[in-house]
Amino acid sequence: MKALRGFKEWFPTLAESAWVDASAVVIGDCTLGEDVSVWPNATLRGDVNAIRIGARSNIQDGCVCHTTHSSDMTKGSQCRVGEDVTVGHNVVLHGCVIEDQCLIGMGSVVLDNAVVRSQVMIGANSLVPPNKELESGHLYLGSPVKKIRPLTDEEKAFFKYSAGHYVRLKNTYAQQDAQID
């Protein structure tokens, strides 16, 4: 199976520094920015709308990113992830917007037309319902999510640290991949 697959007239577009694990699948109208990493068994399926992943963001193992459509195919919602975002293992992002410098905890689900503003941390196994907007600078947790507290300066600094860590890690994997090829 190929990690990158076309669908109809769309084919994934990757920045030169982006990296997709061989076991991940990126299909159709997907754009991956500089230093994006897509980890094992993640699926990005841009078949009924577009998926856009910003620079230095990481989509970790087992994640699913998909979009929404309408019955007449003229509406629907893209899946958009900003820059310096860490999307934890087994997260589902469905037709939602994640702005810059966020952390989406493992096993969380963010549903249609939800908007996660910049510098938000979502705790593991949380559910962001459709059309919900999460205010910048806070920790959210639960199913459905509730605003828990403002983030500390240390937590806000972690967003850039985490993104940088995954850029370095993907560079190591990409180097090893090049040696095997």
Protein backbone atom coordinates (compact mmCIF):
# COMPACT_ATOMS: atom_id res chain seq x y z
CA MET A 1 0.00 0.00 0.00
CA LYS A 2 1.22 3.50 -0.77
CA ALA A 3 1.33 6.12 1.98
CA LEU A 4 0.25 8.83 -0.50
CA ARG A 5 -2.78 8.15 -2.67
CA GLY A 6 -4.78 10.22 -5.09
CA PHE A 7 -8.55 10.41 -5.16
CA LYS A 8 -10.40 11.67 -8.25
CA GLU A 9 -8.50 14.78 -9.38
CA TRP A 10 -6.76 15.36 -6.02
CA PHE A 11 -3.37 14.19 -4.87
CA PRO A 12 -1.65 15.08 -1.59
CA THR A 13 0.73 18.05 -1.63
CA LEU A 14 3.65 17.90 0.77
CA ALA A 15 6.30 20.45 1.60
CA GLU A 16 9.76 19.08 0.88
CA SER A 17 10.50 18.78 4.61
CA ALA A 18 7.24 16.99 5.49
CA TRP A 19 7.43 13.30 6.42
CA VAL A 20 4.79 10.57 6.27
CA ASP A 21 5.45 7.16 7.81
CA ALA A 22 5.16 4.29 5.35
CA SER A 23 2.25 2.78 7.32
CA ALA A 24 0.24 6.02 7.36
CA VAL A 25 -2.21 6.91 4.58
CA VAL A 26 -2.68 10.41 3.15
CA ILE A 27 -5.41 10.48 0.50
CA GLY A 28 -6.71 13.12 -1.88
CA ASP A 29 -6.96 16.85 -1.16
CA CYS A 30 -4.41 17.07 1.65
CA THR A 31 -1.72 19.72 2.07
CA LEU A 32 1.11 19.21 4.57
CA GLY A 33 3.28 22.23 5.45
CA GLU A 34 6.97 22.48 6.28
CA ASP A 35 8.26 19.94 8.80
CA VAL A 36 4.86 18.26 9.27
CA SER A 37 5.06 14.67 10.48
CA VAL A 38 2.42 11.96 10.05
CA TRP A 39 3.13 8.94 12.24
CA PRO A 40 2.40 5.19 11.91
CA ASN A 41 -1.15 4.12 11.09
CA ALA A 42 -2.53 7.66 10.87
CA THR A 43 -5.13 8.32 8.16
CA LEU A 44 -5.77 11.68 6.51
CA ARG A 45 -8.65 11.24 4.05
CA GLY A 46 -9.29 14.30 1.91
CA ASP A 47 -11.94 12.77 -0.32
CA VAL A 48 -15.03 14.96 0.24
CA ASN A 49 -13.29 18.14 1.38
CA ALA A 50 -9.78 19.46 2.03
CA ILE A 51 -7.34 18.74 4.85
CA ARG A 52 -4.68 21.34 5.64
CA ILE A 53 -1.88 20.72 8.17
CA GLY A 54 0.30 23.72 9.13
CA ALA A 55 4.06 23.89 9.57
CA ARG A 56 5.72 21.84 12.30
CA SER A 57 2.51 20.09 13.34
CA ASN A 58 2.53 16.39 14.09
CA ILE A 59 -0.27 13.89 13.56
CA GLN A 60 0.62 10.97 15.78
CA ASP A 61 0.06 7.23 15.61
CA GLY A 62 -3.46 6.03 14.84
CA CYS A 63 -5.01 9.46 14.26
CA VAL A 64 -7.88 9.95 11.82
CA CYS A 65 -8.40 13.27 10.05
CA HIS A 66 -11.48 13.55 7.85
CA THR A 67 -13.89 16.20 6.60
CA THR A 68 -17.60 16.77 6.22
CA HIS A 69 -19.77 17.19 3.15
CA SER A 70 -23.37 18.02 2.39
CA SER A 71 -25.86 16.14 0.25
CA ASP A 72 -25.31 18.54 -2.65
CA MET A 73 -21.50 18.56 -2.15
CA THR A 74 -21.39 22.40 -2.11
CA LYS A 75 -20.98 22.79 1.62
CA GLY A 76 -19.19 20.94 4.34
CA SER A 77 -16.16 21.53 6.50
CA GLN A 78 -12.47 21.16 5.91
CA CYS A 79 -10.18 19.71 8.55
CA ARG A 80 -7.61 22.43 9.29
CA VAL A 81 -4.72 22.16 11.72
CA GLY A 82 -2.57 25.23 12.33
CA GLU A 83 1.15 25.52 13.01
CA ASP A 84 3.04 23.94 15.93
CA VAL A 85 0.16 21.63 16.88
CA THR A 86 0.66 18.27 18.58
CA VAL A 87 -2.16 15.83 17.82
CA GLY A 88 -1.76 12.90 20.24
CA HIS A 89 -2.14 9.19 19.54
CA ASN A 90 -5.55 7.96 18.34
CA VAL A 91 -7.15 11.39 18.05
CA VAL A 92 -10.06 11.89 15.64
CA LEU A 93 -10.32 15.29 13.96
CA HIS A 94 -13.50 15.53 11.87
CA GLY A 95 -14.30 18.65 9.84
CA CYS A 96 -12.91 20.94 12.53
CA VAL A 97 -10.40 23.76 12.93
CA ILE A 98 -7.43 23.56 15.28
CA GLU A 99 -5.56 26.87 15.39
CA ASP A 100 -1.82 27.36 16.13
CA GLN A 101 0.08 26.02 19.16
CA CYS A 102 -2.38 23.50 20.55
CA LEU A 103 -2.07 20.06 22.09
CA ILE A 104 -4.87 17.58 21.48
CA GLY A 105 -4.56 14.81 24.08
CA MET A 106 -4.49 11.11 23.23
CA GLY A 107 -7.80 9.52 22.31
CA SER A 108 -9.67 12.81 22.01
CA VAL A 109 -12.36 13.50 19.41
CA VAL A 110 -12.98 16.93 17.87
CA LEU A 111 -16.19 16.99 15.80
CA ASP A 112 -17.73 18.90 12.90
CA ASN A 113 -17.35 22.68 12.82
CA ALA A 114 -15.69 22.82 16.24
CA VAL A 115 -13.03 25.53 16.54
CA VAL A 116 -10.10 25.15 18.92
CA ARG A 117 -8.47 28.56 19.26
CA SER A 118 -4.69 29.05 19.55
CA GLN A 119 -2.88 27.88 22.67
CA VAL A 120 -5.43 25.38 23.90
CA MET A 121 -4.61 22.10 25.63
CA ILE A 122 -7.22 19.34 25.47
CA GLY A 123 -6.80 16.52 27.97
CA ALA A 124 -6.76 12.86 26.94
CA ASN A 125 -10.01 11.14 25.96
CA SER A 126 -11.95 14.38 25.68
CA LEU A 127 -14.86 15.07 23.33
CA VAL A 128 -15.29 18.44 21.64
CA PRO A 129 -18.90 18.46 20.37
CA PRO A 130 -19.95 19.83 16.97
CA ASN A 131 -19.95 23.65 16.64
CA LYS A 132 -18.18 24.15 19.99
CA GLU A 133 -15.55 26.90 20.21
CA LEU A 134 -12.74 26.57 22.76
CA GLU A 135 -11.31 29.84 24.11
CA SER A 136 -7.59 30.50 23.69
CA GLY A 137 -5.23 29.98 26.61
CA HIS A 138 -7.11 27.31 28.57
CA LEU A 139 -7.03 23.64 29.50
CA TYR A 140 -10.15 21.70 28.52
CA LEU A 141 -11.05 18.22 29.71
CA GLY A 142 -13.96 15.79 29.69
CA SER A 143 -16.69 14.35 27.53
CA PRO A 144 -18.04 16.81 26.56
CA VAL A 145 -15.13 19.16 27.27
CA LYS A 146 -15.32 21.76 29.98
CA LYS A 147 -12.97 24.68 30.53
CA ILE A 148 -10.82 23.69 33.54
CA ARG A 149 -8.40 26.60 34.05
CA PRO A 150 -6.08 29.06 32.31
CA LEU A 151 -2.80 27.62 31.05
CA THR A 152 0.44 28.50 32.82
CA ASP A 153 3.29 30.19 30.96
CA GLU A 154 5.20 26.91 31.19
CA GLU A 155 2.32 25.03 29.53
CA LYS A 156 2.11 27.65 26.77
CA ALA A 157 5.86 27.29 26.13
CA PHE A 158 5.39 23.52 25.83
CA PHE A 159 3.48 23.90 22.53
CA LYS A 160 6.61 25.11 20.69
CA TYR A 161 8.83 22.64 22.55
CA SER A 162 6.59 19.70 21.57
CA ALA A 163 6.43 20.79 17.94
CA GLY A 164 10.23 21.18 17.82
CA HIS A 165 10.72 17.78 19.43
CA TYR A 166 8.60 16.11 16.75
CA VAL A 167 10.45 17.96 13.97
CA ARG A 168 13.74 16.58 15.31
CA LEU A 169 12.28 13.09 15.73
CA LYS A 170 10.82 12.99 12.20
CA ASN A 171 14.19 14.17 10.83
CA THR A 172 15.82 11.14 12.45
CA TYR A 173 13.17 8.82 10.98
CA ALA A 174 13.49 10.44 7.54
CA GLN A 175 17.27 9.97 7.64
CA GLN A 176 16.86 6.30 8.49
CA ASP A 177 14.28 5.91 5.72
CA ALA A 178 16.73 7.42 3.23
CA GLN A 179 19.44 4.96 4.30
CA ILE A 180 17.10 1.99 3.75
CA ASP A 181 15.99 3.17 0.29
